[in-house]
Amino acid sequence: MVTINGLQGVPMISKTCDLSRILVETIKKEHFKIAAGDIICVASKICSMAEGNIVDLSHVAPTSVAKRIHQRIPRKDASLIQVIIDQTADPSGSKLEVSGNHIGAWLPNGLFLTSGGVDKGKNNTAITLPKNCDLTAKRISNTFYQELGVKTSVIITDSDGRADKKGANQVAVGLYGLNGLRINKEAGTAETLCDLLAAAAGLLMRPQGVNMPLACIHDLEYDQNTDSGIGDAVA
């Protein structure tokens, strides 16, 4: 039977730090059970905070493109929109899709995310995704093996919305140790396994007011692959 447990007691991260070691220390303190082959889901936001991916919006100069989009969506600050544009690495804004009150963005790695994965932070800041979510996942997996003696796969997750649905889901934005796709060769079909797992972990990680940035999925049979990354699951 597949089970999912959330790690409690993770301290709030507000500055650059070694997140992998903090997670290990918390796992030991909480006597949290992790076994070889488990899949660890970690929220991208805590990774971003630990890696210092914080943008001071007061230092961002919006371009005419950002200002034009702001006129269409006044609830989005022009400086925040500029940060979203910057994440696409295309200053023309052609990698954005604006629909109603929402902005979606195509990132250089092929992912399409609400607001390009950018969150509004405290004190007029924006929080961007880790520079390389696959590498972040690998570092966490390697530290767990070195410190806990167990080989785990890791998925970095982020909240994401759809234009046709209310609310948000949780999706994979980086991974290490597993194939992001589960392929049925006989039927010629594929499932985005990494997103299925991220969404399942989100049942524990996403509730408001709960600081649970890590969930562990136990006893799932899957293809382990240390050469795979999120790009393998992108169309």
C-alpha atoms as a PDB file:
ATOM      1  CA  MET A   1       0.000   0.000   0.000  1.00  0.00           C
ATOM      2  CA  VAL A   2       1.327   3.426  -0.952  1.00  0.00           C
ATOM      3  CA  THR A   3       1.382   5.851   1.978  1.00  0.00           C
ATOM      4  CA  ILE A   4       2.345   9.514   2.319  1.00  0.00           C
ATOM      5  CA  ASN A   5       3.706  11.185   5.447  1.00  0.00           C
ATOM      6  CA  GLY A   6       4.467  14.864   5.993  1.00  0.00           C
ATOM      7  CA  LEU A   7       7.499  16.106   7.913  1.00  0.00           C
ATOM      8  CA  GLN A   8       6.585  18.366  10.825  1.00  0.00           C
ATOM      9  CA  GLY A   9       8.944  20.659  12.703  1.00  0.00           C
ATOM     10  CA  VAL A  10      10.770  22.159   9.709  1.00  0.00           C
ATOM     11  CA  PRO A  11      11.933  25.629  10.781  1.00  0.00           C
ATOM     12  CA  MET A  12      10.844  28.667   8.785  1.00  0.00           C
ATOM     13  CA  ILE A  13      13.500  29.564   6.229  1.00  0.00           C
ATOM     14  CA  SER A  14      14.068  33.299   5.812  1.00  0.00           C
ATOM     15  CA  LYS A  15      17.653  33.510   4.554  1.00  0.00           C
ATOM     16  CA  THR A  16      20.247  31.607   2.552  1.00  0.00           C
ATOM     17  CA  CYS A  17      21.177  28.322   4.234  1.00  0.00           C
ATOM     18  CA  ASP A  18      22.018  24.655   3.671  1.00  0.00           C
ATOM     19  CA  LEU A  19      18.466  23.356   3.325  1.00  0.00           C
ATOM     20  CA  SER A  20      19.473  19.720   2.846  1.00  0.00           C
ATOM     21  CA  ARG A  21      21.188  19.606   6.236  1.00  0.00           C
ATOM     22  CA  ILE A  22      18.316  21.416   7.934  1.00  0.00           C
ATOM     23  CA  LEU A  23      15.939  18.800   6.546  1.00  0.00           C
ATOM     24  CA  VAL A  24      18.219  15.996   7.747  1.00  0.00           C
ATOM     25  CA  GLU A  25      18.404  17.521  11.233  1.00  0.00           C
ATOM     26  CA  THR A  26      14.617  17.840  11.338  1.00  0.00           C
ATOM     27  CA  ILE A  27      14.140  14.259  10.150  1.00  0.00           C
ATOM     28  CA  LYS A  28      16.382  13.012  12.950  1.00  0.00           C
ATOM     29  CA  LYS A  29      14.736  15.212  15.580  1.00  0.00           C
ATOM     30  CA  GLU A  30      11.228  14.152  14.549  1.00  0.00           C
ATOM     31  CA  HIS A  31      12.211  10.455  14.153  1.00  0.00           C
ATOM     32  CA  PHE A  32      10.735  10.646  10.667  1.00  0.00           C
ATOM     33  CA  LYS A  33      10.904   7.332   8.822  1.00  0.00           C
ATOM     34  CA  ILE A  34      12.513   7.300   5.383  1.00  0.00           C
ATOM     35  CA  ALA A  35      13.413   4.097   3.539  1.00  0.00           C
ATOM     36  CA  ALA A  36      15.449   3.353   0.439  1.00  0.00           C
ATOM     37  CA  GLY A  37      13.395   3.972  -2.681  1.00  0.00           C
ATOM     38  CA  ASP A  38      11.031   6.458  -1.030  1.00  0.00           C
ATOM     39  CA  ILE A  39      10.106   9.558  -3.016  1.00  0.00           C
ATOM     40  CA  ILE A  40      10.705  12.857  -1.236  1.00  0.00           C
ATOM     41  CA  CYS A  41       8.599  15.837  -2.359  1.00  0.00           C
ATOM     42  CA  VAL A  42       9.940  19.248  -1.345  1.00  0.00           C
ATOM     43  CA  ALA A  43       8.188  22.582  -1.880  1.00  0.00           C
ATOM     44  CA  SER A  44      10.029  24.863  -4.302  1.00  0.00           C
ATOM     45  CA  LYS A  45       9.397  27.910  -2.117  1.00  0.00           C
ATOM     46  CA  ILE A  46      11.519  26.652   0.783  1.00  0.00           C
ATOM     47  CA  CYS A  47      14.262  25.746  -1.723  1.00  0.00           C
ATOM     48  CA  SER A  48      14.111  29.227  -3.230  1.00  0.00           C
ATOM     49  CA  MET A  49      14.361  30.871   0.176  1.00  0.00           C
ATOM     50  CA  ALA A  50      17.348  28.721   1.107  1.00  0.00           C
ATOM     51  CA  GLU A  51      19.080  29.479  -2.205  1.00  0.00           C
ATOM     52  CA  GLY A  52      18.469  33.220  -1.911  1.00  0.00           C
ATOM     53  CA  ASN A  53      16.160  33.571  -4.904  1.00  0.00           C
ATOM     54  CA  ILE A  54      14.529  36.717  -3.542  1.00  0.00           C
ATOM     55  CA  VAL A  55      14.026  39.844  -5.653  1.00  0.00           C
ATOM     56  CA  ASP A  56      13.561  43.273  -4.066  1.00  0.00           C
ATOM     57  CA  LEU A  57      10.756  44.743  -6.168  1.00  0.00           C
ATOM     58  CA  SER A  58      11.759  48.285  -5.259  1.00  0.00           C
ATOM     59  CA  HIS A  59      14.916  47.719  -7.339  1.00  0.00           C
ATOM     60  CA  VAL A  60      13.028  46.441 -10.398  1.00  0.00           C
ATOM     61  CA  ALA A  61      12.376  48.889 -13.244  1.00  0.00           C
ATOM     62  CA  PRO A  62       9.300  47.749 -15.212  1.00  0.00           C
ATOM     63  CA  THR A  63       9.600  47.929 -18.992  1.00  0.00           C
ATOM     64  CA  SER A  64       6.860  49.209 -21.254  1.00  0.00           C
ATOM     65  CA  VAL A  65       5.817  45.578 -21.789  1.00  0.00           C
ATOM     66  CA  ALA A  66       5.301  45.038 -18.060  1.00  0.00           C
ATOM     67  CA  LYS A  67       3.433  48.316 -17.721  1.00  0.00           C
ATOM     68  CA  ARG A  68       1.128  47.400 -20.593  1.00  0.00           C
ATOM     69  CA  ILE A  69       0.265  44.063 -19.003  1.00  0.00           C
ATOM     70  CA  HIS A  70      -0.250  45.804 -15.656  1.00  0.00           C
ATOM     71  CA  GLN A  71      -2.919  47.956 -17.285  1.00  0.00           C
ATOM     72  CA  ARG A  72      -4.753  44.765 -18.244  1.00  0.00           C
ATOM     73  CA  ILE A  73      -4.258  43.151 -14.811  1.00  0.00           C
ATOM     74  CA  PRO A  74      -4.014  45.962 -12.234  1.00  0.00           C
ATOM     75  CA  ARG A  75      -3.866  43.490  -9.311  1.00  0.00           C
ATOM     76  CA  LYS A  76      -0.415  42.438 -10.531  1.00  0.00           C
ATOM     77  CA  ASP A  77       2.220  45.063  -9.719  1.00  0.00           C
ATOM     78  CA  ALA A  78       4.216  46.130 -12.783  1.00  0.00           C
ATOM     79  CA  SER A  79       7.491  45.283 -11.016  1.00  0.00           C
ATOM     80  CA  LEU A  80       6.222  41.772 -10.245  1.00  0.00           C
ATOM     81  CA  ILE A  81       5.162  41.341 -13.862  1.00  0.00           C
ATOM     82  CA  GLN A  82       8.667  42.381 -14.904  1.00  0.00           C
ATOM     83  CA  VAL A  83      10.149  39.643 -12.718  1.00  0.00           C
ATOM     84  CA  ILE A  84       7.828  37.140 -14.418  1.00  0.00           C
ATOM     85  CA  ILE A  85       8.996  38.363 -17.829  1.00  0.00           C
ATOM     86  CA  ASP A  86      12.620  38.038 -16.704  1.00  0.00           C
ATOM     87  CA  GLN A  87      12.068  34.387 -15.799  1.00  0.00           C
ATOM     88  CA  THR A  88      11.162  33.634 -19.412  1.00  0.00           C
ATOM     89  CA  ALA A  89      14.452  35.123 -20.686  1.00  0.00           C
ATOM     90  CA  ASP A  90      12.424  36.875 -23.410  1.00  0.00           C
ATOM     91  CA  PRO A  91      12.074  40.639 -22.795  1.00  0.00           C
ATOM     92  CA  SER A  92       9.456  40.962 -25.544  1.00  0.00           C
ATOM     93  CA  GLY A  93       6.852  39.269 -23.355  1.00  0.00           C
ATOM     94  CA  SER A  94       5.990  36.795 -26.112  1.00  0.00           C
ATOM     95  CA  LYS A  95       6.498  33.895 -23.688  1.00  0.00           C
ATOM     96  CA  LEU A  96       3.594  35.122 -21.544  1.00  0.00           C
ATOM     97  CA  GLU A  97      -0.059  34.139 -21.923  1.00  0.00           C
ATOM     98  CA  VAL A  98      -2.457  36.631 -20.360  1.00  0.00           C
ATOM     99  CA  SER A  99      -6.016  35.409 -19.823  1.00  0.00           C
ATOM    100  CA  GLY A 100      -8.577  37.286 -17.788  1.00  0.00           C
ATOM    101  CA  ASN A 101      -6.956  38.053 -14.436  1.00  0.00           C
ATOM    102  CA  HIS A 102      -4.107  35.573 -14.772  1.00  0.00           C
ATOM    103  CA  ILE A 103      -0.633  35.343 -16.298  1.00  0.00           C
ATOM    104  CA  GLY A 104       1.002  32.137 -17.468  1.00  0.00           C
ATOM    105  CA  ALA A 105       4.617  31.966 -18.610  1.00  0.00           C
ATOM    106  CA  TRP A 106       6.781  29.603 -20.633  1.00  0.00           C
ATOM    107  CA  LEU A 107      10.157  29.093 -18.954  1.00  0.00           C
ATOM    108  CA  PRO A 108      13.406  28.322 -20.798  1.00  0.00           C
ATOM    109  CA  ASN A 109      13.278  24.674 -19.650  1.00  0.00           C
ATOM    110  CA  GLY A 110       9.914  24.189 -21.386  1.00  0.00           C
ATOM    111  CA  LEU A 111       7.652  24.368 -18.336  1.00  0.00           C
ATOM    112  CA  PHE A 112       4.503  26.483 -18.463  1.00  0.00           C
ATOM    113  CA  LEU A 113       3.607  27.823 -15.009  1.00  0.00           C
ATOM    114  CA  THR A 114       1.212  30.307 -13.504  1.00  0.00           C
ATOM    115  CA  SER A 115       3.174  33.560 -13.062  1.00  0.00           C
ATOM    116  CA  GLY A 116       6.259  31.707 -14.256  1.00  0.00           C
ATOM    117  CA  GLY A 117       6.582  30.162 -10.794  1.00  0.00           C
ATOM    118  CA  VAL A 118       6.998  33.625  -9.223  1.00  0.00           C
ATOM    119  CA  ASP A 119       5.375  34.232  -5.823  1.00  0.00           C
ATOM    120  CA  LYS A 120       4.807  37.559  -4.115  1.00  0.00           C
ATOM    121  CA  GLY A 121       6.827  37.597  -0.883  1.00  0.00           C
ATOM    122  CA  LYS A 122       6.814  39.769   2.193  1.00  0.00           C
ATOM    123  CA  ASN A 123       8.204  43.310   2.359  1.00  0.00           C
ATOM    124  CA  ASN A 124       7.743  44.062  -1.340  1.00  0.00           C
ATOM    125  CA  THR A 125       9.725  41.075  -2.607  1.00  0.00           C
ATOM    126  CA  ALA A 126       9.224  38.357  -5.197  1.00  0.00           C
ATOM    127  CA  ILE A 127      10.322  34.733  -4.826  1.00  0.00           C
ATOM    128  CA  THR A 128      11.509  32.997  -7.984  1.00  0.00           C
ATOM    129  CA  LEU A 129      12.068  29.303  -8.618  1.00  0.00           C
ATOM    130  CA  PRO A 130      15.466  27.737  -7.905  1.00  0.00           C
ATOM    131  CA  LYS A 131      17.850  28.284 -10.824  1.00  0.00           C
ATOM    132  CA  ASN A 132      18.030  24.534 -11.513  1.00  0.00           C
ATOM    133  CA  CYS A 133      15.350  22.503  -9.771  1.00  0.00           C
ATOM    134  CA  ASP A 134      16.817  19.189 -10.965  1.00  0.00           C
ATOM    135  CA  LEU A 135      20.133  20.073  -9.345  1.00  0.00           C
ATOM    136  CA  THR A 136      18.347  21.129  -6.152  1.00  0.00           C
ATOM    137  CA  ALA A 137      16.609  17.738  -6.065  1.00  0.00           C
ATOM    138  CA  LYS A 138      19.924  15.934  -6.632  1.00  0.00           C
ATOM    139  CA  ARG A 139      21.628  17.798  -3.780  1.00  0.00           C
ATOM    140  CA  ILE A 140      18.855  16.862  -1.369  1.00  0.00           C
ATOM    141  CA  SER A 141      18.964  13.203  -2.459  1.00  0.00           C
ATOM    142  CA  ASN A 142      22.758  13.038  -2.135  1.00  0.00           C
ATOM    143  CA  THR A 143      22.723  14.617   1.336  1.00  0.00           C
ATOM    144  CA  PHE A 144      20.039  12.188   2.510  1.00  0.00           C
ATOM    145  CA  TYR A 145      22.192   9.281   1.313  1.00  0.00           C
ATOM    146  CA  GLN A 146      25.328  10.668   2.973  1.00  0.00           C
ATOM    147  CA  GLU A 147      23.651  11.555   6.273  1.00  0.00           C
ATOM    148  CA  LEU A 148      20.809   9.030   6.550  1.00  0.00           C
ATOM    149  CA  GLY A 149      22.188   6.129   4.521  1.00  0.00           C
ATOM    150  CA  VAL A 150      19.117   5.822   2.266  1.00  0.00           C
ATOM    151  CA  LYS A 151      18.882   6.363  -1.476  1.00  0.00           C
ATOM    152  CA  THR A 152      15.762   8.361  -2.256  1.00  0.00           C
ATOM    153  CA  SER A 153      14.263  10.034  -5.289  1.00  0.00           C
ATOM    154  CA  VAL A 154      13.335  13.693  -4.944  1.00  0.00           C
ATOM    155  CA  ILE A 155      10.691  15.848  -6.611  1.00  0.00           C
ATOM    156  CA  ILE A 156      10.648  19.642  -6.277  1.00  0.00           C
ATOM    157  CA  THR A 157       7.028  20.814  -6.358  1.00  0.00           C
ATOM    158  CA  ASP A 158       5.267  24.092  -7.046  1.00  0.00           C
ATOM    159  CA  SER A 159       1.652  25.248  -6.976  1.00  0.00           C
ATOM    160  CA  ASP A 160       0.083  25.842 -10.376  1.00  0.00           C
ATOM    161  CA  GLY A 161      -3.302  26.835 -11.734  1.00  0.00           C
ATOM    162  CA  ARG A 162      -5.214  26.108 -14.914  1.00  0.00           C
ATOM    163  CA  ALA A 163      -7.239  28.525 -16.978  1.00  0.00           C
ATOM    164  CA  ASP A 164     -10.226  26.153 -16.937  1.00  0.00           C
ATOM    165  CA  LYS A 165     -10.142  25.320 -13.205  1.00  0.00           C
ATOM    166  CA  LYS A 166     -10.569  27.302 -10.011  1.00  0.00           C
ATOM    167  CA  GLY A 167      -7.870  27.021  -7.353  1.00  0.00           C
ATOM    168  CA  ALA A 168      -4.423  25.482  -7.668  1.00  0.00           C
ATOM    169  CA  ASN A 169      -2.812  22.080  -7.956  1.00  0.00           C
ATOM    170  CA  GLN A 170       0.728  20.976  -7.160  1.00  0.00           C
ATOM    171  CA  VAL A 171       3.085  19.970  -9.981  1.00  0.00           C
ATOM    172  CA  ALA A 172       6.684  18.869 -10.397  1.00  0.00           C
ATOM    173  CA  VAL A 173       9.240  21.490 -11.453  1.00  0.00           C
ATOM    174  CA  GLY A 174      12.377  19.413 -10.825  1.00  0.00           C
ATOM    175  CA  LEU A 175      13.275  15.827 -10.066  1.00  0.00           C
ATOM    176  CA  TYR A 176      16.088  13.386  -9.432  1.00  0.00           C
ATOM    177  CA  GLY A 177      16.242   9.612  -9.188  1.00  0.00           C
ATOM    178  CA  LEU A 178      13.110   8.664 -11.121  1.00  0.00           C
ATOM    179  CA  ASN A 179      11.596   8.838 -14.571  1.00  0.00           C
ATOM    180  CA  GLY A 180       9.104  11.679 -14.742  1.00  0.00           C
ATOM    181  CA  LEU A 181       6.946   9.652 -17.108  1.00  0.00           C
ATOM    182  CA  ARG A 182       5.332   6.268 -16.522  1.00  0.00           C
ATOM    183  CA  ILE A 183       5.018   4.661 -19.945  1.00  0.00           C
ATOM    184  CA  ASN A 184       2.616   1.894 -20.928  1.00  0.00           C
ATOM    185  CA  LYS A 185       4.353   0.399 -23.945  1.00  0.00           C
ATOM    186  CA  GLU A 186       1.486  -1.954 -24.786  1.00  0.00           C
ATOM    187  CA  ALA A 187      -1.106   0.799 -24.888  1.00  0.00           C
ATOM    188  CA  GLY A 188       1.306   3.379 -26.280  1.00  0.00           C
ATOM    189  CA  THR A 189       0.352   5.873 -23.560  1.00  0.00           C
ATOM    190  CA  ALA A 190       2.202   7.748 -20.849  1.00  0.00           C
ATOM    191  CA  GLU A 191       1.321   9.309 -17.493  1.00  0.00           C
ATOM    192  CA  THR A 192       3.146  12.278 -16.014  1.00  0.00           C
ATOM    193  CA  LEU A 193       4.149  10.362 -12.902  1.00  0.00           C
ATOM    194  CA  CYS A 194       6.068  13.232 -11.344  1.00  0.00           C
ATOM    195  CA  ASP A 195       2.943  15.429 -11.409  1.00  0.00           C
ATOM    196  CA  LEU A 196       0.755  12.640 -10.026  1.00  0.00           C
ATOM    197  CA  LEU A 197       3.151  12.294  -7.101  1.00  0.00           C
ATOM    198  CA  ALA A 198       3.452  16.050  -6.578  1.00  0.00           C
ATOM    199  CA  ALA A 199      -0.327  16.410  -6.478  1.00  0.00           C
ATOM    200  CA  ALA A 200      -0.664  13.491  -4.050  1.00  0.00           C
ATOM    201  CA  ALA A 201       1.970  14.992  -1.760  1.00  0.00           C
ATOM    202  CA  GLY A 202       0.116  18.303  -2.011  1.00  0.00           C
ATOM    203  CA  LEU A 203      -2.731  16.835   0.028  1.00  0.00           C
ATOM    204  CA  LEU A 204      -0.418  17.195   3.033  1.00  0.00           C
ATOM    205  CA  MET A 205       1.892  20.003   1.924  1.00  0.00           C
ATOM    206  CA  ARG A 206      -0.618  22.587   0.687  1.00  0.00           C
ATOM    207  CA  PRO A 207      -3.190  23.155   3.503  1.00  0.00           C
ATOM    208  CA  GLN A 208      -3.202  26.792   4.612  1.00  0.00           C
ATOM    209  CA  GLY A 209      -1.520  27.554   7.917  1.00  0.00           C
ATOM    210  CA  VAL A 210       0.481  24.322   7.902  1.00  0.00           C
ATOM    211  CA  ASN A 211       4.252  24.502   7.520  1.00  0.00           C
ATOM    212  CA  MET A 212       4.882  21.106   5.952  1.00  0.00           C
ATOM    213  CA  PRO A 213       7.270  21.647   3.014  1.00  0.00           C
ATOM    214  CA  LEU A 214       8.317  17.990   2.752  1.00  0.00           C
ATOM    215  CA  ALA A 215       6.283  14.846   2.205  1.00  0.00           C
ATOM    216  CA  CYS A 216       7.552  11.301   1.802  1.00  0.00           C
ATOM    217  CA  ILE A 217       5.826   8.774  -0.464  1.00  0.00           C
ATOM    218  CA  HIS A 218       6.444   5.183   0.635  1.00  0.00           C
ATOM    219  CA  ASP A 219       6.180   1.807  -1.112  1.00  0.00           C
ATOM    220  CA  LEU A 220       5.544   2.904  -4.691  1.00  0.00           C
ATOM    221  CA  GLU A 221       7.015   0.764  -7.462  1.00  0.00           C
ATOM    222  CA  TYR A 222       8.593   2.972 -10.123  1.00  0.00           C
ATOM    223  CA  ASP A 223      11.540   3.195 -12.514  1.00  0.00           C
ATOM    224  CA  GLN A 224      14.524   4.654 -10.705  1.00  0.00           C
ATOM    225  CA  ASN A 225      16.784   6.690 -12.977  1.00  0.00           C
ATOM    226  CA  THR A 226      19.457   9.142 -11.866  1.00  0.00           C
ATOM    227  CA  ASP A 227      19.887  10.410 -15.442  1.00  0.00           C
ATOM    228  CA  SER A 228      16.336  11.689 -15.773  1.00  0.00           C
ATOM    229  CA  GLY A 229      15.221  15.296 -15.214  1.00  0.00           C
ATOM    230  CA  ILE A 230      12.123  17.406 -15.545  1.00  0.00           C
ATOM    231  CA  GLY A 231      12.933  17.991 -19.206  1.00  0.00           C
ATOM    232  CA  ASP A 232      12.099  14.360 -19.956  1.00  0.00           C
ATOM    233  CA  ALA A 233       8.493  15.033 -18.908  1.00  0.00           C
ATOM    234  CA  VAL A 234       8.136  18.284 -20.874  1.00  0.00           C
ATOM    235  CA  ALA A 235       6.453  18.183 -24.276  1.00  0.00           C
END
